[in-house]
Amino acid sequence: MVDPTSDLGEDLTAENAPACATCGDPIVQDPEHVVETWVEDESVASRHFCSQDCRDEF
């Protein structure tokens, strides 16, 4: 898994890119990328989406 705080596109390939939580597509240099973060059990958790449409479907 890629560090969720890093810029997407920095040495990313489809194999190590985060996957969209809705459609499962790898997110590589996608300008519409959406990240949702929250605190859970005293840790930061996150979900990646390839677009706002996928976020809305989730």
Protein backbone atom coordinates (compact mmCIF):
# COMPACT_ATOMS: atom_id res chain seq x y z
CA MET A 1 0.00 0.00 0.00
CA VAL A 2 1.19 3.46 -0.82
CA ASP A 3 1.51 6.10 1.88
CA PRO A 4 -1.87 7.91 1.69
CA THR A 5 -0.16 11.25 2.38
CA SER A 6 2.18 11.02 -0.62
CA ASP A 7 1.42 12.54 -4.00
CA LEU A 8 -0.04 10.03 -6.40
CA GLY A 9 2.15 9.52 -9.41
CA GLU A 10 5.42 9.33 -7.47
CA ASP A 11 6.87 6.02 -8.65
CA LEU A 12 3.45 4.36 -8.81
CA THR A 13 2.58 1.37 -10.92
CA ALA A 14 -0.73 -0.46 -11.20
CA GLU A 15 0.69 -3.12 -8.85
CA ASN A 16 1.47 -0.78 -5.94
CA ALA A 17 -1.13 1.96 -6.49
CA PRO A 18 -4.12 2.25 -4.17
CA ALA A 19 -7.30 0.64 -5.50
CA CYS A 20 -10.64 2.40 -5.76
CA ALA A 21 -12.87 1.25 -2.87
CA THR A 22 -15.86 1.06 -5.24
CA CYS A 23 -14.68 -0.29 -8.60
CA GLY A 24 -11.30 -1.74 -7.61
CA ASP A 25 -9.35 -0.01 -10.40
CA PRO A 26 -5.80 1.02 -9.51
CA ILE A 27 -5.45 4.79 -9.10
CA VAL A 28 -2.37 5.94 -10.99
CA GLN A 29 -2.02 9.67 -11.78
CA ASP A 30 -5.77 10.26 -11.74
CA PRO A 31 -6.63 13.97 -11.33
CA GLU A 32 -10.13 13.12 -10.04
CA HIS A 33 -8.76 10.94 -7.22
CA VAL A 34 -10.67 11.32 -3.92
CA VAL A 35 -9.36 10.20 -0.52
CA GLU A 36 -11.64 9.83 2.48
CA THR A 37 -9.92 9.70 5.88
CA TRP A 38 -11.19 9.19 9.40
CA VAL A 39 -9.98 8.20 12.87
CA GLU A 40 -10.82 4.66 13.93
CA ASP A 41 -9.57 2.97 17.10
CA GLU A 42 -7.04 5.78 17.68
CA SER A 43 -5.53 5.28 14.19
CA VAL A 44 -6.01 7.07 10.90
CA ALA A 45 -7.85 5.05 8.25
CA SER A 46 -8.45 5.95 4.62
CA ARG A 47 -10.25 4.88 1.47
CA HIS A 48 -9.34 5.85 -2.08
CA PHE A 49 -11.79 6.50 -4.90
CA CYS A 50 -10.94 7.10 -8.57
CA SER A 51 -13.62 9.82 -8.86
CA GLN A 52 -16.37 11.60 -6.97
CA ASP A 53 -18.89 9.38 -8.80
CA CYS A 54 -17.28 6.26 -7.30
CA ARG A 55 -17.24 7.97 -3.89
CA ASP A 56 -20.96 8.72 -4.22
CA GLU A 57 -21.68 5.07 -5.19
CA PHE A 58 -19.85 3.77 -2.12
